[in-house]
Amino acid sequence: MPVRNNIRSIRKERGIKQLQLAEDLQVTRQTLTAIENNKYNPSLELALKIVNYFNLPIQEIFILEEEKE
């Protein structure tokens, strides 16, 4: 089951630059770009840092998509 995320839209709604978020989370901007583009899933530790950073429930940030049969 693929995992999507709403990090980019939440970040933009809050007026946070990608580089600022990457620095705050202690990752590279390239890593954050890959995560936002759903090309890479963050580690559990990084996912929890993102949830804490935005102070939102995890299901508002990460979405587990059901596979179609």
PDB file of N, CA and C in Angstrom:
ATOM      1  N   MET A   1       0.840  -1.177   0.000  1.00  0.00           N
ATOM      2  CA  MET A   1       0.000   0.000   0.000  1.00  0.00           C
ATOM      3  C   MET A   1       0.888   1.244   0.000  1.00  0.00           C
ATOM      4  N   PRO A   2       0.758   2.058  -1.013  1.00  0.00           N
ATOM      5  CA  PRO A   2       1.576   3.270  -1.075  1.00  0.00           C
ATOM      6  C   PRO A   2       1.169   4.299  -0.015  1.00  0.00           C
ATOM      7  N   VAL A   3       2.151   5.059   0.413  1.00  0.00           N
ATOM      8  CA  VAL A   3       1.913   6.134   1.376  1.00  0.00           C
ATOM      9  C   VAL A   3       2.116   7.465   0.662  1.00  0.00           C
ATOM     10  N   ARG A   4       1.123   8.324   0.742  1.00  0.00           N
ATOM     11  CA  ARG A   4       1.227   9.692   0.219  1.00  0.00           C
ATOM     12  C   ARG A   4       1.363  10.623   1.412  1.00  0.00           C
ATOM     13  N   ASN A   5       1.751  11.868   1.131  1.00  0.00           N
ATOM     14  CA  ASN A   5       1.799  12.838   2.217  1.00  0.00           C
ATOM     15  C   ASN A   5       1.336  14.209   1.740  1.00  0.00           C
ATOM     16  N   ASN A   6       0.961  15.031   2.708  1.00  0.00           N
ATOM     17  CA  ASN A   6       0.502  16.397   2.450  1.00  0.00           C
ATOM     18  C   ASN A   6       1.508  17.427   2.934  1.00  0.00           C
ATOM     19  N   ILE A   7       2.763  17.046   3.035  1.00  0.00           N
ATOM     20  CA  ILE A   7       3.766  17.938   3.613  1.00  0.00           C
ATOM     21  C   ILE A   7       3.878  19.242   2.823  1.00  0.00           C
ATOM     22  N   ARG A   8       3.966  19.141   1.505  1.00  0.00           N
ATOM     23  CA  ARG A   8       4.126  20.350   0.686  1.00  0.00           C
ATOM     24  C   ARG A   8       2.971  21.319   0.894  1.00  0.00           C
ATOM     25  N   SER A   9       1.748  20.836   0.831  1.00  0.00           N
ATOM     26  CA  SER A   9       0.604  21.748   0.962  1.00  0.00           C
ATOM     27  C   SER A   9       0.528  22.357   2.369  1.00  0.00           C
ATOM     28  N   ILE A  10       0.820  21.570   3.391  1.00  0.00           N
ATOM     29  CA  ILE A  10       0.810  22.093   4.760  1.00  0.00           C
ATOM     30  C   ILE A  10       1.914  23.138   4.919  1.00  0.00           C
ATOM     31  N   ARG A  11       3.087  22.830   4.398  1.00  0.00           N
ATOM     32  CA  ARG A  11       4.218  23.755   4.486  1.00  0.00           C
ATOM     33  C   ARG A  11       3.893  25.074   3.800  1.00  0.00           C
ATOM     34  N   LYS A  12       3.308  25.007   2.597  1.00  0.00           N
ATOM     35  CA  LYS A  12       2.974  26.221   1.850  1.00  0.00           C
ATOM     36  C   LYS A  12       1.872  27.024   2.543  1.00  0.00           C
ATOM     37  N   GLU A  13       0.864  26.320   3.089  1.00  0.00           N
ATOM     38  CA  GLU A  13      -0.205  27.009   3.827  1.00  0.00           C
ATOM     39  C   GLU A  13       0.352  27.822   4.988  1.00  0.00           C
ATOM     40  N   ARG A  14       1.399  27.307   5.588  1.00  0.00           N
ATOM     41  CA  ARG A  14       2.002  27.957   6.758  1.00  0.00           C
ATOM     42  C   ARG A  14       3.122  28.917   6.389  1.00  0.00           C
ATOM     43  N   GLY A  15       3.402  29.035   5.100  1.00  0.00           N
ATOM     44  CA  GLY A  15       4.420  29.973   4.642  1.00  0.00           C
ATOM     45  C   GLY A  15       5.841  29.577   5.022  1.00  0.00           C
ATOM     46  N   ILE A  16       6.096  28.283   5.088  1.00  0.00           N
ATOM     47  CA  ILE A  16       7.422  27.787   5.460  1.00  0.00           C
ATOM     48  C   ILE A  16       8.176  27.393   4.196  1.00  0.00           C
ATOM     49  N   LYS A  17       9.362  27.929   4.025  1.00  0.00           N
ATOM     50  CA  LYS A  17      10.194  27.587   2.872  1.00  0.00           C
ATOM     51  C   LYS A  17      10.736  26.171   3.034  1.00  0.00           C
ATOM     52  N   GLN A  18      10.936  25.512   1.909  1.00  0.00           N
ATOM     53  CA  GLN A  18      11.423  24.134   1.930  1.00  0.00           C
ATOM     54  C   GLN A  18      12.773  24.030   2.640  1.00  0.00           C
ATOM     55  N   LEU A  19      13.667  24.973   2.358  1.00  0.00           N
ATOM     56  CA  LEU A  19      14.986  24.947   2.990  1.00  0.00           C
ATOM     57  C   LEU A  19      14.878  25.119   4.501  1.00  0.00           C
ATOM     58  N   GLN A  20      13.978  25.990   4.942  1.00  0.00           N
ATOM     59  CA  GLN A  20      13.794  26.199   6.382  1.00  0.00           C
ATOM     60  C   GLN A  20      13.302  24.922   7.062  1.00  0.00           C
ATOM     61  N   LEU A  21      12.323  24.263   6.456  1.00  0.00           N
ATOM     62  CA  LEU A  21      11.800  23.025   7.032  1.00  0.00           C
ATOM     63  C   LEU A  21      12.892  21.956   7.073  1.00  0.00           C
ATOM     64  N   ALA A  22      13.651  21.842   6.002  1.00  0.00           N
ATOM     65  CA  ALA A  22      14.734  20.859   5.956  1.00  0.00           C
ATOM     66  C   ALA A  22      15.744  21.120   7.072  1.00  0.00           C
ATOM     67  N   GLU A  23      16.113  22.368   7.254  1.00  0.00           N
ATOM     68  CA  GLU A  23      17.062  22.713   8.320  1.00  0.00           C
ATOM     69  C   GLU A  23      16.471  22.411   9.693  1.00  0.00           C
ATOM     70  N   ASP A  24      15.212  22.763   9.890  1.00  0.00           N
ATOM     71  CA  ASP A  24      14.564  22.521  11.182  1.00  0.00           C
ATOM     72  C   ASP A  24      14.480  21.025  11.500  1.00  0.00           C
ATOM     73  N   LEU A  25      14.309  20.205  10.464  1.00  0.00           N
ATOM     74  CA  LEU A  25      14.210  18.759  10.651  1.00  0.00           C
ATOM     75  C   LEU A  25      15.574  18.066  10.578  1.00  0.00           C
ATOM     76  N   GLN A  26      16.607  18.847  10.288  1.00  0.00           N
ATOM     77  CA  GLN A  26      17.979  18.343  10.190  1.00  0.00           C
ATOM     78  C   GLN A  26      18.144  17.294   9.091  1.00  0.00           C
ATOM     79  N   VAL A  27      17.553  17.597   7.918  1.00  0.00           N
ATOM     80  CA  VAL A  27      17.728  16.781   6.723  1.00  0.00           C
ATOM     81  C   VAL A  27      18.125  17.718   5.583  1.00  0.00           C
ATOM     82  N   THR A  28      18.558  17.144   4.471  1.00  0.00           N
ATOM     83  CA  THR A  28      18.890  17.985   3.321  1.00  0.00           C
ATOM     84  C   THR A  28      17.609  18.405   2.598  1.00  0.00           C
ATOM     85  N   ARG A  29      17.730  19.486   1.838  1.00  0.00           N
ATOM     86  CA  ARG A  29      16.589  19.930   1.040  1.00  0.00           C
ATOM     87  C   ARG A  29      16.232  18.871   0.008  1.00  0.00           C
ATOM     88  N   GLN A  30      17.244  18.167  -0.511  1.00  0.00           N
ATOM     89  CA  GLN A  30      17.007  17.114  -1.499  1.00  0.00           C
ATOM     90  C   GLN A  30      16.185  15.977  -0.897  1.00  0.00           C
ATOM     91  N   THR A  31      16.466  15.627   0.358  1.00  0.00           N
ATOM     92  CA  THR A  31      15.691  14.588   1.039  1.00  0.00           C
ATOM     93  C   THR A  31      14.246  15.040   1.188  1.00  0.00           C
ATOM     94  N   LEU A  32      14.059  16.273   1.606  1.00  0.00           N
ATOM     95  CA  LEU A  32      12.702  16.802   1.778  1.00  0.00           C
ATOM     96  C   LEU A  32      11.956  16.852   0.449  1.00  0.00           C
ATOM     97  N   THR A  33      12.653  17.240  -0.609  1.00  0.00           N
ATOM     98  CA  THR A  33      12.032  17.262  -1.940  1.00  0.00           C
ATOM     99  C   THR A  33      11.551  15.869  -2.330  1.00  0.00           C
ATOM    100  N   ALA A  34      12.395  14.858  -2.120  1.00  0.00           N
ATOM    101  CA  ALA A  34      12.022  13.478  -2.464  1.00  0.00           C
ATOM    102  C   ALA A  34      10.810  13.023  -1.650  1.00  0.00           C
ATOM    103  N   ILE A  35      10.767  13.384  -0.378  1.00  0.00           N
ATOM    104  CA  ILE A  35       9.628  13.010   0.471  1.00  0.00           C
ATOM    105  C   ILE A  35       8.367  13.713  -0.014  1.00  0.00           C
ATOM    106  N   GLU A  36       8.460  15.017  -0.265  1.00  0.00           N
ATOM    107  CA  GLU A  36       7.290  15.773  -0.725  1.00  0.00           C
ATOM    108  C   GLU A  36       6.764  15.258  -2.063  1.00  0.00           C
ATOM    109  N   ASN A  37       7.656  14.758  -2.907  1.00  0.00           N
ATOM    110  CA  ASN A  37       7.253  14.224  -4.213  1.00  0.00           C
ATOM    111  C   ASN A  37       6.854  12.753  -4.153  1.00  0.00           C
ATOM    112  N   ASN A  38       6.745  12.210  -2.943  1.00  0.00           N
ATOM    113  CA  ASN A  38       6.349  10.820  -2.731  1.00  0.00           C
ATOM    114  C   ASN A  38       7.276   9.828  -3.432  1.00  0.00           C
ATOM    115  N   LYS A  39       8.544  10.200  -3.564  1.00  0.00           N
ATOM    116  CA  LYS A  39       9.539   9.305  -4.149  1.00  0.00           C
ATOM    117  C   LYS A  39      10.291   8.550  -3.067  1.00  0.00           C
ATOM    118  N   TYR A  40      10.117   8.986  -1.833  1.00  0.00           N
ATOM    119  CA  TYR A  40      10.838   8.408  -0.706  1.00  0.00           C
ATOM    120  C   TYR A  40       9.965   8.545   0.533  1.00  0.00           C
ATOM    121  N   ASN A  41       9.839   7.472   1.300  1.00  0.00           N
ATOM    122  CA  ASN A  41       9.115   7.541   2.568  1.00  0.00           C
ATOM    123  C   ASN A  41      10.111   7.814   3.687  1.00  0.00           C
ATOM    124  N   PRO A  42       9.784   8.758   4.555  1.00  0.00           N
ATOM    125  CA  PRO A  42      10.712   9.047   5.645  1.00  0.00           C
ATOM    126  C   PRO A  42      10.779   7.892   6.631  1.00  0.00           C
ATOM    127  N   SER A  43      11.880   7.850   7.370  1.00  0.00           N
ATOM    128  CA  SER A  43      11.986   6.868   8.449  1.00  0.00           C
ATOM    129  C   SER A  43      10.904   7.179   9.478  1.00  0.00           C
ATOM    130  N   LEU A  44      10.641   6.227  10.343  1.00  0.00           N
ATOM    131  CA  LEU A  44       9.656   6.458  11.402  1.00  0.00           C
ATOM    132  C   LEU A  44      10.062   7.656  12.249  1.00  0.00           C
ATOM    133  N   GLU A  45      11.345   7.744  12.567  1.00  0.00           N
ATOM    134  CA  GLU A  45      11.835   8.862  13.381  1.00  0.00           C
ATOM    135  C   GLU A  45      11.567  10.199  12.690  1.00  0.00           C
ATOM    136  N   LEU A  46      11.880  10.294  11.399  1.00  0.00           N
ATOM    137  CA  LEU A  46      11.655  11.540  10.669  1.00  0.00           C
ATOM    138  C   LEU A  46      10.165  11.823  10.516  1.00  0.00           C
ATOM    139  N   ALA A  47       9.366  10.804  10.275  1.00  0.00           N
ATOM    140  CA  ALA A  47       7.912  10.998  10.169  1.00  0.00           C
ATOM    141  C   ALA A  47       7.357  11.576  11.470  1.00  0.00           C
ATOM    142  N   LEU A  48       7.832  11.065  12.602  1.00  0.00           N
ATOM    143  CA  LEU A  48       7.366  11.584  13.894  1.00  0.00           C
ATOM    144  C   LEU A  48       7.854  13.010  14.138  1.00  0.00           C
ATOM    145  N   LYS A  49       9.059  13.333  13.662  1.00  0.00           N
ATOM    146  CA  LYS A  49       9.552  14.716  13.760  1.00  0.00           C
ATOM    147  C   LYS A  49       8.658  15.657  12.949  1.00  0.00           C
ATOM    148  N   ILE A  50       8.251  15.203  11.770  1.00  0.00           N
ATOM    149  CA  ILE A  50       7.376  16.016  10.907  1.00  0.00           C
ATOM    150  C   ILE A  50       6.031  16.236  11.581  1.00  0.00           C
ATOM    151  N   VAL A  51       5.469  15.177  12.151  1.00  0.00           N
ATOM    152  CA  VAL A  51       4.188  15.274  12.857  1.00  0.00           C
ATOM    153  C   VAL A  51       4.301  16.270  14.017  1.00  0.00           C
ATOM    154  N   ASN A  52       5.372  16.165  14.788  1.00  0.00           N
ATOM    155  CA  ASN A  52       5.574  17.095  15.904  1.00  0.00           C
ATOM    156  C   ASN A  52       5.794  18.515  15.423  1.00  0.00           C
ATOM    157  N   TYR A  53       6.525  18.679  14.327  1.00  0.00           N
ATOM    158  CA  TYR A  53       6.821  20.002  13.781  1.00  0.00           C
ATOM    159  C   TYR A  53       5.533  20.735  13.411  1.00  0.00           C
ATOM    160  N   PHE A  54       4.642  20.034  12.718  1.00  0.00           N
ATOM    161  CA  PHE A  54       3.394  20.656  12.277  1.00  0.00           C
ATOM    162  C   PHE A  54       2.304  20.610  13.344  1.00  0.00           C
ATOM    163  N   ASN A  55       2.526  19.813  14.393  1.00  0.00           N
ATOM    164  CA  ASN A  55       1.550  19.680  15.477  1.00  0.00           C
ATOM    165  C   ASN A  55       0.167  19.292  14.935  1.00  0.00           C
ATOM    166  N   LEU A  56       0.174  18.268  14.094  1.00  0.00           N
ATOM    167  CA  LEU A  56      -1.059  17.751  13.489  1.00  0.00           C
ATOM    168  C   LEU A  56      -1.114  16.244  13.713  1.00  0.00           C
ATOM    169  N   PRO A  57      -2.328  15.670  13.677  1.00  0.00           N
ATOM    170  CA  PRO A  57      -2.429  14.201  13.743  1.00  0.00           C
ATOM    171  C   PRO A  57      -1.729  13.584  12.530  1.00  0.00           C
ATOM    172  N   ILE A  58      -1.123  12.444  12.737  1.00  0.00           N
ATOM    173  CA  ILE A  58      -0.360  11.795  11.671  1.00  0.00           C
ATOM    174  C   ILE A  58      -1.205  11.546  10.421  1.00  0.00           C
ATOM    175  N   GLN A  59      -2.499  11.237  10.597  1.00  0.00           N
ATOM    176  CA  GLN A  59      -3.348  10.940   9.441  1.00  0.00           C
ATOM    177  C   GLN A  59      -3.663  12.184   8.603  1.00  0.00           C
ATOM    178  N   GLU A  60      -3.379  13.378   9.118  1.00  0.00           N
ATOM    179  CA  GLU A  60      -3.549  14.587   8.306  1.00  0.00           C
ATOM    180  C   GLU A  60      -2.318  14.862   7.452  1.00  0.00           C
ATOM    181  N   ILE A  61      -1.215  14.224   7.788  1.00  0.00           N
ATOM    182  CA  ILE A  61       0.029  14.425   7.050  1.00  0.00           C
ATOM    183  C   ILE A  61       0.320  13.253   6.126  1.00  0.00           C
ATOM    184  N   PHE A  62       0.167  12.039   6.632  1.00  0.00           N
ATOM    185  CA  PHE A  62       0.458  10.835   5.864  1.00  0.00           C
ATOM    186  C   PHE A  62      -0.816  10.052   5.593  1.00  0.00           C
ATOM    187  N   ILE A  63      -0.969   9.607   4.348  1.00  0.00           N
ATOM    188  CA  ILE A  63      -2.166   8.880   3.925  1.00  0.00           C
ATOM    189  C   ILE A  63      -1.752   7.530   3.351  1.00  0.00           C
ATOM    190  N   LEU A  64      -2.303   6.464   3.921  1.00  0.00           N
ATOM    191  CA  LEU A  64      -2.049   5.131   3.404  1.00  0.00           C
ATOM    192  C   LEU A  64      -3.130   4.824   2.380  1.00  0.00           C
ATOM    193  N   GLU A  65      -2.715   4.688   1.122  1.00  0.00           N
ATOM    194  CA  GLU A  65      -3.682   4.444   0.053  1.00  0.00           C
ATOM    195  C   GLU A  65      -3.971   2.956  -0.068  1.00  0.00           C
ATOM    196  N   GLU A  66      -5.222   2.652  -0.214  1.00  0.00           N
ATOM    197  CA  GLU A  66      -5.638   1.267  -0.427  1.00  0.00           C
ATOM    198  C   GLU A  66      -5.314   0.888  -1.868  1.00  0.00           C
ATOM    199  N   GLU A  67      -4.782  -0.314  -2.026  1.00  0.00           N
ATOM    200  CA  GLU A  67      -4.503  -0.784  -3.379  1.00  0.00           C
ATOM    201  C   GLU A  67      -5.780  -1.288  -4.016  1.00  0.00           C
ATOM    202  N   LYS A  68      -5.940  -0.952  -5.307  1.00  0.00           N
ATOM    203  CA  LYS A  68      -7.128  -1.387  -6.045  1.00  0.00           C
ATOM    204  C   LYS A  68      -6.879  -2.787  -6.586  1.00  0.00           C
ATOM    205  N   GLU A  69      -7.901  -3.604  -6.483  1.00  0.00           N
ATOM    206  CA  GLU A  69      -7.777  -4.986  -6.965  1.00  0.00           C
ATOM    207  C   GLU A  69      -8.388  -5.148  -8.324  1.00  0.00           C
TER     208      GLU A  69
END
